C-alpha atoms as a PDB file:
ATOM      1  CA  MET A   1      72.536 -14.068  13.452  1.00  0.00           C
ATOM      2  CA  PRO A   2      75.472 -16.434  13.150  1.00  0.00           C
ATOM      3  CA  GLN A   3      77.493 -16.206   9.984  1.00  0.00           C
ATOM      4  CA  GLU A   4      76.286 -19.568   8.745  1.00  0.00           C
ATOM      5  CA  GLU A   5      72.551 -19.480   9.375  1.00  0.00           C
ATOM      6  CA  GLY A   6      71.661 -15.794   9.305  1.00  0.00           C
ATOM      7  CA  HIS A   7      73.705 -13.315   7.306  1.00  0.00           C
ATOM      8  CA  ALA A   8      77.081 -11.688   7.559  1.00  0.00           C
ATOM      9  CA  ALA A   9      77.731  -7.995   8.011  1.00  0.00           C
ATOM     10  CA  SER A  10      78.137  -7.702   4.253  1.00  0.00           C
ATOM     11  CA  GLY A  11      74.567  -8.988   3.935  1.00  0.00           C
ATOM     12  CA  SER A  12      73.662 -12.604   3.189  1.00  0.00           C
ATOM     13  CA  PHE A  13      70.738 -14.868   3.966  1.00  0.00           C
ATOM     14  CA  GLY A  14      70.090 -18.566   4.455  1.00  0.00           C
ATOM     15  CA  ILE A  15      67.677 -20.277   2.056  1.00  0.00           C
ATOM     16  CA  SER A  16      64.874 -20.619   4.625  1.00  0.00           C
ATOM     17  CA  GLN A  17      65.159 -16.989   5.696  1.00  0.00           C
ATOM     18  CA  ALA A  18      65.193 -15.681   2.118  1.00  0.00           C
ATOM     19  CA  ALA A  19      62.139 -17.817   1.338  1.00  0.00           C
ATOM     20  CA  ALA A  20      60.283 -16.423   4.355  1.00  0.00           C
ATOM     21  CA  LEU A  21      61.170 -12.839   3.442  1.00  0.00           C
ATOM     22  CA  VAL A  22      59.680 -13.100  -0.058  1.00  0.00           C
ATOM     23  CA  GLY A  23      56.779 -15.357   0.917  1.00  0.00           C
ATOM     24  CA  TRP A  24      57.895 -18.360  -1.125  1.00  0.00           C
ATOM     25  CA  SER A  25      58.602 -21.920  -0.097  1.00  0.00           C
ATOM     26  CA  VAL A  26      62.088 -23.159   0.750  1.00  0.00           C
ATOM     27  CA  GLY A  27      61.857 -25.717  -2.036  1.00  0.00           C
ATOM     28  CA  ARG A  28      61.036 -23.062  -4.626  1.00  0.00           C
ATOM     29  CA  VAL A  29      64.066 -20.952  -3.662  1.00  0.00           C
ATOM     30  CA  ARG A  30      66.317 -24.025  -3.624  1.00  0.00           C
ATOM     31  CA  ARG A  31      65.104 -24.891  -7.115  1.00  0.00           C
ATOM     32  CA  LEU A  32      66.016 -21.434  -8.429  1.00  0.00           C
ATOM     33  CA  VAL A  33      69.493 -21.908  -6.934  1.00  0.00           C
ATOM     34  CA  ARG A  34      69.900 -25.348  -8.505  1.00  0.00           C
ATOM     35  CA  GLU A  35      68.894 -24.008 -11.924  1.00  0.00           C
ATOM     36  CA  GLY A  36      71.304 -21.076 -11.754  1.00  0.00           C
ATOM     37  CA  VAL A  37      68.691 -18.317 -11.511  1.00  0.00           C
ATOM     38  CA  LEU A  38      70.288 -17.209  -8.213  1.00  0.00           C
ATOM     39  CA  ALA A  39      74.061 -16.999  -7.700  1.00  0.00           C
ATOM     40  CA  ALA A  40      74.243 -18.600  -4.253  1.00  0.00           C
ATOM     41  CA  THR A  41      77.512 -19.039  -2.381  1.00  0.00           C
ATOM     42  CA  ARG A  42      78.505 -21.477   0.374  1.00  0.00           C
ATOM     43  CA  GLY A  43      79.055 -20.580   4.021  1.00  0.00           C
ATOM     44  CA  PRO A  44      81.919 -21.967   6.157  1.00  0.00           C
ATOM     45  CA  ARG A  45      79.980 -25.178   6.877  1.00  0.00           C
ATOM     46  CA  GLY A  46      78.673 -25.549   3.336  1.00  0.00           C
ATOM     47  CA  ALA A  47      75.207 -24.003   3.744  1.00  0.00           C
ATOM     48  CA  LEU A  48      73.865 -22.040   0.781  1.00  0.00           C
ATOM     49  CA  ARG A  49      74.000 -18.247   1.159  1.00  0.00           C
ATOM     50  CA  LEU A  50      72.057 -15.584  -0.763  1.00  0.00           C
ATOM     51  CA  SER A  51      73.158 -11.947  -0.930  1.00  0.00           C
ATOM     52  CA  PHE A  52      71.071  -8.770  -0.766  1.00  0.00           C
ATOM     53  CA  ARG A  53      71.238  -8.773  -4.572  1.00  0.00           C
ATOM     54  CA  ASP A  54      69.840 -12.315  -4.667  1.00  0.00           C
ATOM     55  CA  LEU A  55      67.051 -11.256  -2.315  1.00  0.00           C
ATOM     56  CA  ALA A  56      66.270  -8.306  -4.579  1.00  0.00           C
ATOM     57  CA  GLN A  57      66.212 -10.692  -7.559  1.00  0.00           C
ATOM     58  CA  LEU A  58      63.795 -12.971  -5.712  1.00  0.00           C
ATOM     59  CA  ARG A  59      61.515 -10.025  -5.033  1.00  0.00           C
ATOM     60  CA  ARG A  60      61.666  -8.977  -8.691  1.00  0.00           C
ATOM     61  CA  LEU A  61      60.744 -12.513  -9.747  1.00  0.00           C
ATOM     62  CA  ARG A  62      57.893 -12.517  -7.258  1.00  0.00           C
ATOM     63  CA  ASP A  63      56.600  -9.163  -8.535  1.00  0.00           C
ATOM     64  CA  LEU A  64      56.890  -9.929 -12.275  1.00  0.00           C
ATOM     65  CA  GLY A  65      53.675  -9.146 -14.145  1.00  0.00           C
ATOM     66  CA  GLY A  66      54.185 -12.253 -16.262  1.00  0.00           C
ATOM     67  CA  GLU A  67      55.073 -15.683 -14.994  1.00  0.00           C
ATOM     68  CA  ARG A  68      58.760 -16.692 -15.230  1.00  0.00           C
ATOM     69  CA  ILE A  69      58.998 -20.035 -17.057  1.00  0.00           C
ATOM     70  CA  VAL A  70      62.043 -22.334 -16.957  1.00  0.00           C
ATOM     71  CA  ARG A  71      62.636 -24.770 -19.817  1.00  0.00           C
ATOM     72  CA  GLU A  72      64.505 -28.055 -19.241  1.00  0.00           C
ATOM     73  CA  GLY A  73      64.746 -29.936 -22.513  1.00  0.00           C
ATOM     74  CA  ALA A  74      61.189 -30.743 -23.563  1.00  0.00           C
ATOM     75  CA  GLN A  75      59.736 -29.784 -20.173  1.00  0.00           C
ATOM     76  CA  MET A  76      58.728 -26.338 -18.940  1.00  0.00           C
ATOM     77  CA  TRP A  77      57.866 -25.293 -15.389  1.00  0.00           C
ATOM     78  CA  SER A  78      56.995 -22.144 -13.496  1.00  0.00           C
ATOM     79  CA  ALA A  79      59.762 -20.634 -11.387  1.00  0.00           C
ATOM     80  CA  GLU A  80      57.081 -19.101  -9.162  1.00  0.00           C
ATOM     81  CA  SER A  81      54.796 -22.073  -8.529  1.00  0.00           C
ATOM     82  CA  GLY A  82      57.058 -24.999  -9.421  1.00  0.00           C
ATOM     83  CA  GLN A  83      54.228 -26.452 -11.531  1.00  0.00           C
ATOM     84  CA  TYR A  84      54.892 -27.915 -14.972  1.00  0.00           C
ATOM     85  CA  VAL A  85      53.243 -26.076 -17.872  1.00  0.00           C
ATOM     86  CA  PHE A  86      52.355 -26.969 -21.461  1.00  0.00           C
ATOM     87  CA  ASP A  87      54.586 -25.578 -24.187  1.00  0.00           C
ATOM     88  CA  PHE A  88      52.006 -24.225 -26.632  1.00  0.00           C
ATOM     89  CA  SER A  89      54.485 -21.805 -28.208  1.00  0.00           C
ATOM     90  CA  PRO A  90      58.024 -23.224 -28.621  1.00  0.00           C
ATOM     91  CA  ALA A  91      59.447 -19.904 -29.805  1.00  0.00           C
ATOM     92  CA  CYS A  92      61.601 -17.965 -27.338  1.00  0.00           C
ATOM     93  CA  GLU A  93      59.632 -15.569 -25.161  1.00  0.00           C
ATOM     94  CA  ARG A  94      60.679 -12.837 -22.762  1.00  0.00           C
ATOM     95  CA  ASN A  95      59.801 -14.728 -19.593  1.00  0.00           C
ATOM     96  CA  VAL A  96      61.275 -18.102 -20.577  1.00  0.00           C
ATOM     97  CA  VAL A  97      64.647 -19.084 -19.110  1.00  0.00           C
ATOM     98  CA  GLU A  98      66.167 -22.132 -20.802  1.00  0.00           C
ATOM     99  CA  PHE A  99      68.430 -24.710 -19.154  1.00  0.00           C
ATOM    100  CA  ALA A 100      70.026 -27.908 -20.369  1.00  0.00           C
ATOM    101  CA  PRO A 101      68.062 -30.996 -19.319  1.00  0.00           C
ATOM    102  CA  ARG A 102      69.326 -32.689 -16.186  1.00  0.00           C
ATOM    103  CA  GLU A 103      69.881 -36.358 -15.615  1.00  0.00           C
ATOM    104  CA  ALA A 104      67.054 -38.117 -13.800  1.00  0.00           C
ATOM    105  CA  PRO A 105      67.698 -38.192 -10.033  1.00  0.00           C
ATOM    106  CA  PRO A 106      68.380 -41.574  -8.486  1.00  0.00           C
ATOM    107  CA  GLU A 107      65.529 -43.417  -6.836  1.00  0.00           C
ATOM    108  CA  PRO A 108      65.393 -42.648  -3.100  1.00  0.00           C
ATOM    109  CA  CYS A 109      66.604 -45.272  -0.714  1.00  0.00           C
ATOM    110  CA  PRO A 110      63.628 -47.025   0.901  1.00  0.00           C
ATOM    111  CA  THR A 111      65.195 -46.657   4.353  1.00  0.00           C
ATOM    112  CA  LEU A 112      65.776 -42.977   5.100  1.00  0.00           C
ATOM    113  CA  ASP A 113      67.193 -41.270   8.152  1.00  0.00           C
ATOM    114  CA  ALA A 114      65.907 -37.936   9.448  1.00  0.00           C
ATOM    115  CA  ASP A 115      68.327 -35.874   7.338  1.00  0.00           C
ATOM    116  CA  ALA A 116      67.317 -37.750   4.186  1.00  0.00           C
ATOM    117  CA  TRP A 117      63.620 -37.193   4.918  1.00  0.00           C
ATOM    118  CA  VAL A 118      64.254 -33.472   5.345  1.00  0.00           C
ATOM    119  CA  GLU A 119      66.155 -33.347   2.053  1.00  0.00           C
ATOM    120  CA  ARG A 120      63.309 -35.191   0.379  1.00  0.00           C
ATOM    121  CA  GLY A 121      60.888 -32.669   1.849  1.00  0.00           C
ATOM    122  CA  CYS A 122      62.947 -29.830   0.366  1.00  0.00           C
ATOM    123  CA  GLU A 123      62.789 -31.475  -3.068  1.00  0.00           C
ATOM    124  CA  LEU A 124      59.003 -31.863  -2.808  1.00  0.00           C
ATOM    125  CA  ASP A 125      58.412 -28.433  -1.320  1.00  0.00           C
ATOM    126  CA  ALA A 126      57.840 -26.602  -4.613  1.00  0.00           C
ATOM    127  CA  THR A 127      55.556 -29.157  -6.266  1.00  0.00           C
ATOM    128  CA  ASP A 128      53.722 -31.090  -3.549  1.00  0.00           C
ATOM    129  CA  ARG A 129      53.328 -29.315  -0.221  1.00  0.00           C
ATOM    130  CA  ASP A 130      51.342 -32.163   1.355  1.00  0.00           C
ATOM    131  CA  ALA A 131      54.037 -34.705   0.477  1.00  0.00           C
ATOM    132  CA  ALA A 132      56.692 -32.306   1.776  1.00  0.00           C
ATOM    133  CA  ARG A 133      54.813 -32.043   5.082  1.00  0.00           C
ATOM    134  CA  GLU A 134      54.725 -35.818   5.367  1.00  0.00           C
ATOM    135  CA  ALA A 135      58.457 -36.005   4.677  1.00  0.00           C
ATOM    136  CA  TYR A 136      59.239 -33.451   7.397  1.00  0.00           C
ATOM    137  CA  ARG A 137      56.909 -35.240   9.819  1.00  0.00           C
ATOM    138  CA  ALA A 138      58.654 -38.524   9.023  1.00  0.00           C
ATOM    139  CA  ALA A 139      61.964 -36.863   9.903  1.00  0.00           C
ATOM    140  CA  LEU A 140      60.550 -35.629  13.201  1.00  0.00           C
ATOM    141  CA  GLU A 141      59.204 -39.070  14.061  1.00  0.00           C
ATOM    142  CA  ILE A 142      62.738 -40.420  13.708  1.00  0.00           C
ATOM    143  CA  GLU A 143      64.411 -37.424  15.364  1.00  0.00           C
ATOM    144  CA  PRO A 144      61.913 -35.250  17.313  1.00  0.00           C
ATOM    145  CA  GLY A 145      64.524 -32.539  17.846  1.00  0.00           C
ATOM    146  CA  HIS A 146      65.590 -32.239  14.194  1.00  0.00           C
ATOM    147  CA  VAL A 147      66.039 -28.496  13.791  1.00  0.00           C
ATOM    148  CA  GLU A 148      65.656 -28.197  10.006  1.00  0.00           C
ATOM    149  CA  GLY A 149      62.649 -30.509  10.088  1.00  0.00           C
ATOM    150  CA  HIS A 150      60.905 -28.162  12.535  1.00  0.00           C
ATOM    151  CA  VAL A 151      61.970 -24.996  10.696  1.00  0.00           C
ATOM    152  CA  ASN A 152      60.900 -26.245   7.257  1.00  0.00           C
ATOM    153  CA  LEU A 153      57.616 -27.669   8.515  1.00  0.00           C
ATOM    154  CA  GLY A 154      57.063 -24.423  10.379  1.00  0.00           C
ATOM    155  CA  CYS A 155      57.549 -22.508   7.116  1.00  0.00           C
ATOM    156  CA  LEU A 156      54.940 -24.657   5.363  1.00  0.00           C
ATOM    157  CA  GLU A 157      52.448 -24.214   8.194  1.00  0.00           C
ATOM    158  CA  HIS A 158      53.201 -20.491   8.217  1.00  0.00           C
ATOM    159  CA  GLU A 159      52.481 -20.206   4.488  1.00  0.00           C
ATOM    160  CA  ALA A 160      49.285 -22.213   4.922  1.00  0.00           C
ATOM    161  CA  GLY A 161      48.057 -19.818   7.615  1.00  0.00           C
ATOM    162  CA  ASN A 162      48.441 -22.332  10.453  1.00  0.00           C
ATOM    163  CA  LEU A 163      50.220 -19.756  12.568  1.00  0.00           C
ATOM    164  CA  GLU A 164      49.988 -21.485  15.952  1.00  0.00           C
ATOM    165  CA  ASP A 165      51.420 -24.682  14.465  1.00  0.00           C
ATOM    166  CA  ALA A 166      54.200 -22.671  12.821  1.00  0.00           C
ATOM    167  CA  GLU A 167      55.014 -20.985  16.131  1.00  0.00           C
ATOM    168  CA  ALA A 168      55.169 -24.382  17.855  1.00  0.00           C
ATOM    169  CA  HIS A 169      57.658 -25.717  15.298  1.00  0.00           C
ATOM    170  CA  TYR A 170      59.858 -22.612  15.457  1.00  0.00           C
ATOM    171  CA  ARG A 171      59.919 -22.831  19.249  1.00  0.00           C
ATOM    172  CA  ALA A 172      60.725 -26.544  19.056  1.00  0.00           C
ATOM    173  CA  ALA A 173      63.646 -25.738  16.751  1.00  0.00           C
ATOM    174  CA  LEU A 174      64.909 -23.127  19.219  1.00  0.00           C
ATOM    175  CA  GLY A 175      64.448 -25.589  22.064  1.00  0.00           C
ATOM    176  CA  ALA A 176      66.802 -27.976  20.270  1.00  0.00           C
ATOM    177  CA  HIS A 177      69.165 -25.249  19.051  1.00  0.00           C
ATOM    178  CA  PRO A 178      68.696 -21.941  20.979  1.00  0.00           C
ATOM    179  CA  GLU A 179      71.111 -20.064  18.717  1.00  0.00           C
ATOM    180  CA  HIS A 180      69.429 -21.095  15.450  1.00  0.00           C
ATOM    181  CA  ALA A 181      69.146 -17.753  13.654  1.00  0.00           C
ATOM    182  CA  ILE A 182      66.507 -18.710  11.078  1.00  0.00           C
ATOM    183  CA  ALA A 183      64.166 -20.178  13.698  1.00  0.00           C
ATOM    184  CA  ARG A 184      64.633 -17.055  15.831  1.00  0.00           C
ATOM    185  CA  PHE A 185      63.812 -14.743  12.925  1.00  0.00           C
ATOM    186  CA  ASP A 186      60.878 -16.840  11.679  1.00  0.00           C
ATOM    187  CA  LEU A 187      59.435 -16.931  15.199  1.00  0.00           C
ATOM    188  CA  ALA A 188      59.462 -13.131  15.256  1.00  0.00           C
ATOM    189  CA  VAL A 189      57.661 -13.032  11.894  1.00  0.00           C
ATOM    190  CA  VAL A 190      54.943 -15.474  12.937  1.00  0.00           C
ATOM    191  CA  LEU A 191      54.379 -13.616  16.219  1.00  0.00           C
ATOM    192  CA  GLU A 192      53.921 -10.442  14.187  1.00  0.00           C
ATOM    193  CA  ASP A 193      51.479 -12.232  11.897  1.00  0.00           C
ATOM    194  CA  LEU A 194      49.574 -13.449  14.973  1.00  0.00           C
ATOM    195  CA  GLY A 195      49.128  -9.815  16.009  1.00  0.00           C
ATOM    196  CA  ARG A 196      51.209 -10.267  19.166  1.00  0.00           C
ATOM    197  CA  ASP A 197      53.127  -7.041  18.670  1.00  0.00           C
ATOM    198  CA  GLU A 198      54.915  -6.924  22.030  1.00  0.00           C
ATOM    199  CA  ASP A 199      56.058 -10.548  21.735  1.00  0.00           C
ATOM    200  CA  ALA A 200      57.157  -9.895  18.149  1.00  0.00           C
ATOM    201  CA  CYS A 201      59.150  -6.808  19.206  1.00  0.00           C
ATOM    202  CA  ALA A 202      60.918  -8.844  21.871  1.00  0.00           C
ATOM    203  CA  ALA A 203      61.668 -11.590  19.337  1.00  0.00           C
ATOM    204  CA  TYR A 204      63.112  -9.117  16.808  1.00  0.00           C
ATOM    205  CA  GLU A 205      65.186  -7.551  19.591  1.00  0.00           C
ATOM    206  CA  ALA A 206      66.565 -11.039  20.291  1.00  0.00           C
ATOM    207  CA  VAL A 207      67.481 -11.339  16.617  1.00  0.00           C
ATOM    208  CA  LEU A 208      69.312  -8.025  16.741  1.00  0.00           C
ATOM    209  CA  ALA A 209      71.023  -8.879  20.028  1.00  0.00           C
ATOM    210  CA  ALA A 210      72.603 -11.839  18.227  1.00  0.00           C
ATOM    211  CA  ASP A 211      73.245  -9.925  15.009  1.00  0.00           C
ATOM    212  CA  PRO A 212      72.863  -6.111  14.961  1.00  0.00           C
ATOM    213  CA  ALA A 213      73.442  -6.171  11.172  1.00  0.00           C
ATOM    214  CA  CYS A 214      70.197  -8.010  10.386  1.00  0.00           C
ATOM    215  CA  ALA A 215      68.615  -5.481   8.036  1.00  0.00           C
ATOM    216  CA  GLU A 216      65.225  -7.191   7.760  1.00  0.00           C
ATOM    217  CA  ALA A 217      64.877  -7.351  11.557  1.00  0.00           C
ATOM    218  CA  HIS A 218      65.517  -3.588  11.745  1.00  0.00           C
ATOM    219  CA  HIS A 219      62.957  -3.023   8.985  1.00  0.00           C
ATOM    220  CA  ASN A 220      60.251  -5.130  10.609  1.00  0.00           C
ATOM    221  CA  LEU A 221      60.942  -3.749  14.062  1.00  0.00           C
ATOM    222  CA  ALA A 222      60.698  -0.199  12.705  1.00  0.00           C
ATOM    223  CA  ARG A 223      57.189  -0.986  11.409  1.00  0.00           C
ATOM    224  CA  LEU A 224      56.163  -2.532  14.715  1.00  0.00           C
ATOM    225  CA  CYS A 225      57.517   0.392  16.733  1.00  0.00           C
ATOM    226  CA  GLU A 226      55.567   2.780  14.524  1.00  0.00           C
ATOM    227  CA  ARG A 227      52.419   0.706  14.990  1.00  0.00           C
ATOM    228  CA  ILE A 228      52.649   0.725  18.788  1.00  0.00           C
ATOM    229  CA  GLY A 229      53.495   4.439  18.916  1.00  0.00           C
ATOM    230  CA  ASP A 230      57.231   4.246  19.609  1.00  0.00           C
ATOM    231  CA  ARG A 231      58.315   6.871  17.080  1.00  0.00           C
ATOM    232  CA  ALA A 232      61.872   7.163  18.374  1.00  0.00           C
ATOM    233  CA  GLY A 233      62.348   3.398  18.114  1.00  0.00           C
ATOM    234  CA  ALA A 234      60.793   3.351  14.664  1.00  0.00           C
ATOM    235  CA  LEU A 235      63.159   6.060  13.433  1.00  0.00           C
ATOM    236  CA  ARG A 236      66.212   4.387  14.983  1.00  0.00           C
ATOM    237  CA  HIS A 237      65.527   1.022  13.374  1.00  0.00           C
ATOM    238  CA  PHE A 238      64.511   2.505  10.031  1.00  0.00           C
ATOM    239  CA  VAL A 239      67.779   4.470   9.837  1.00  0.00           C
ATOM    240  CA  ALA A 240      69.725   1.304  10.680  1.00  0.00           C
ATOM    241  CA  TYR A 241      67.837  -0.603   7.993  1.00  0.00           C
ATOM    242  CA  ARG A 242      68.503   2.035   5.323  1.00  0.00           C
ATOM    243  CA  GLN A 243      72.212   2.106   6.148  1.00  0.00           C
ATOM    244  CA  LEU A 244      72.539  -1.685   5.941  1.00  0.00           C
ATOM    245  CA  ALA A 245      70.531  -1.782   2.709  1.00  0.00           C
ATOM    246  CA  ARG A 246      72.882   0.767   1.129  1.00  0.00           C
ATOM    247  CA  GLU A 247      75.911  -1.234   2.254  1.00  0.00           C
ATOM    248  CA  GLY A 248      74.455  -4.323   0.602  1.00  0.00           C
ATOM    249  CA  ASP A 249      73.878  -2.622  -2.786  1.00  0.00           C
END
């Protein structure tokens, strides 16, 4: 993958890719970054980057037995679902992370361009998936080839189980930007979820052709190779995955 949209040899991930890998929404991951739960960095063009350690932290948050709650002033919300919760017990608890209250965001401009609609969709992603979909669709009505609009809407459709729709959006993103690493990776994942193992293998191979250091592509391809009976391929990709995972620790 390119340095900016995929991850570098040292191991880093874009927000959309990290969200797909842990099965969360893009908006939820962005919210954890904004609140300081994840120590994201910026790529050369300013895109947020998450390290292997951040990805491991996301997986730990996902697998917590208890729900991780974030407190902002008098309000509390779930880091996992993005939903606000009632504070029945104000005392500090193990799963409560407290942050200073933020200033209220400015009212959105009534006339939005495609980029602004996509940003609005990202803000709504964690709390109102239907509204986020409408925001991404509004972006695509203005700019049918908007890459992030297709990728983010594809992620929502993927999570909702609308796999054919997700595939269509990922392919549309690649049609507009053939080198888009996140769309390429997400396409491979949705093809795997559709049970199209040969197509998924080819898509993961395309990911690795662009970036041989993509650990998750090696991992997923190892599983697919094992499933279709290619033991040598499975071993090769699993060894590559383990080596990259150790380098990222």
